Amino acid sequence: MSGVGYQVYSKSGDGAIRIVVSSAKQALAKANELAEAGNEILIKDLAGRVIDTATIVELAARE
């Protein structure tokens, strides 16, 4: 699944950002970084399907 691409969404207060990364490992790392700041996190694939935390952890372990 490497190279598939993921979108990491972060919402904090009235602001939100979206970061596009190329691997599950990068998505997990960015999600962890943003979560440490207390932001709400959502990870999606490039087709827009939400990926739960357990799934992204498993995908990252396979890369």
C-alpha atoms as a PDB file:
ATOM      1  CA  MET A   1       0.000   0.000   0.000  1.00  0.00           C
ATOM      2  CA  SER A   2       2.976   2.283  -0.005  1.00  0.00           C
ATOM      3  CA  GLY A   3       2.534   5.340  -2.185  1.00  0.00           C
ATOM      4  CA  VAL A   4      -1.253   5.216  -2.093  1.00  0.00           C
ATOM      5  CA  GLY A   5      -1.571   8.610  -0.434  1.00  0.00           C
ATOM      6  CA  TYR A   6      -3.446   9.832   2.596  1.00  0.00           C
ATOM      7  CA  GLN A   7      -5.007  13.048   3.796  1.00  0.00           C
ATOM      8  CA  VAL A   8      -4.546  14.083   7.426  1.00  0.00           C
ATOM      9  CA  TYR A   9      -7.111  16.599   8.656  1.00  0.00           C
ATOM     10  CA  SER A  10      -6.629  18.583  11.829  1.00  0.00           C
ATOM     11  CA  LYS A  11      -9.205  20.833  13.448  1.00  0.00           C
ATOM     12  CA  SER A  12      -8.459  23.196  16.274  1.00  0.00           C
ATOM     13  CA  GLY A  13     -11.010  25.816  17.267  1.00  0.00           C
ATOM     14  CA  ASP A  14     -12.272  27.599  14.155  1.00  0.00           C
ATOM     15  CA  GLY A  15      -9.286  26.607  12.016  1.00  0.00           C
ATOM     16  CA  ALA A  16      -8.535  23.450  10.067  1.00  0.00           C
ATOM     17  CA  ILE A  17      -5.718  22.127   7.908  1.00  0.00           C
ATOM     18  CA  ARG A  18      -5.326  19.257   5.468  1.00  0.00           C
ATOM     19  CA  ILE A  19      -1.978  17.646   4.764  1.00  0.00           C
ATOM     20  CA  VAL A  20      -1.463  15.143   1.954  1.00  0.00           C
ATOM     21  CA  VAL A  21       1.242  12.517   2.463  1.00  0.00           C
ATOM     22  CA  SER A  22       2.353   9.572   0.356  1.00  0.00           C
ATOM     23  CA  SER A  23       2.530   6.792   2.949  1.00  0.00           C
ATOM     24  CA  ALA A  24       0.697   5.405   5.951  1.00  0.00           C
ATOM     25  CA  LYS A  25       3.839   5.913   8.055  1.00  0.00           C
ATOM     26  CA  GLN A  26       3.881   9.606   7.181  1.00  0.00           C
ATOM     27  CA  ALA A  27       0.144   9.895   7.856  1.00  0.00           C
ATOM     28  CA  LEU A  28       0.532   8.276  11.263  1.00  0.00           C
ATOM     29  CA  ALA A  29       3.529  10.449  12.164  1.00  0.00           C
ATOM     30  CA  LYS A  30       1.759  13.658  11.139  1.00  0.00           C
ATOM     31  CA  ALA A  31      -1.445  12.614  12.941  1.00  0.00           C
ATOM     32  CA  ASN A  32       0.535  11.914  16.126  1.00  0.00           C
ATOM     33  CA  GLU A  33       2.319  15.257  15.849  1.00  0.00           C
ATOM     34  CA  LEU A  34      -0.929  17.170  15.431  1.00  0.00           C
ATOM     35  CA  ALA A  35      -2.711  15.188  18.160  1.00  0.00           C
ATOM     36  CA  GLU A  36       0.027  16.120  20.655  1.00  0.00           C
ATOM     37  CA  ALA A  37      -1.001  19.740  20.155  1.00  0.00           C
ATOM     38  CA  GLY A  38      -4.524  18.798  21.236  1.00  0.00           C
ATOM     39  CA  ASN A  39      -6.082  18.957  17.775  1.00  0.00           C
ATOM     40  CA  GLU A  40      -8.863  16.704  16.497  1.00  0.00           C
ATOM     41  CA  ILE A  41      -7.488  14.382  13.799  1.00  0.00           C
ATOM     42  CA  LEU A  42      -9.085  12.584  10.870  1.00  0.00           C
ATOM     43  CA  ILE A  43      -7.228  10.448   8.324  1.00  0.00           C
ATOM     44  CA  LYS A  44      -8.665   9.670   4.888  1.00  0.00           C
ATOM     45  CA  ASP A  45      -7.386   7.949   1.784  1.00  0.00           C
ATOM     46  CA  LEU A  46      -7.271   9.993  -1.424  1.00  0.00           C
ATOM     47  CA  ALA A  47     -10.713   8.668  -2.390  1.00  0.00           C
ATOM     48  CA  GLY A  48     -12.114  10.355   0.727  1.00  0.00           C
ATOM     49  CA  ARG A  49     -12.763   7.229   2.816  1.00  0.00           C
ATOM     50  CA  VAL A  50     -12.101   7.696   6.536  1.00  0.00           C
ATOM     51  CA  ILE A  51      -9.424   5.372   7.917  1.00  0.00           C
ATOM     52  CA  ASP A  52      -9.612   4.467  11.595  1.00  0.00           C
ATOM     53  CA  THR A  53      -6.560   4.552  13.839  1.00  0.00           C
ATOM     54  CA  ALA A  54      -6.126   0.766  14.071  1.00  0.00           C
ATOM     55  CA  THR A  55      -6.151   0.451  10.284  1.00  0.00           C
ATOM     56  CA  ILE A  56      -3.574   3.202   9.683  1.00  0.00           C
ATOM     57  CA  VAL A  57      -1.313   1.670  12.354  1.00  0.00           C
ATOM     58  CA  GLU A  58      -1.560  -1.719  10.601  1.00  0.00           C
ATOM     59  CA  LEU A  59      -0.899  -0.193   7.182  1.00  0.00           C
ATOM     60  CA  ALA A  60       2.130   1.696   8.518  1.00  0.00           C
ATOM     61  CA  ALA A  61       3.531  -1.503  10.037  1.00  0.00           C
ATOM     62  CA  ARG A  62       3.352  -3.205   6.618  1.00  0.00           C
ATOM     63  CA  GLU A  63       5.319  -0.465   4.837  1.00  0.00           C
END
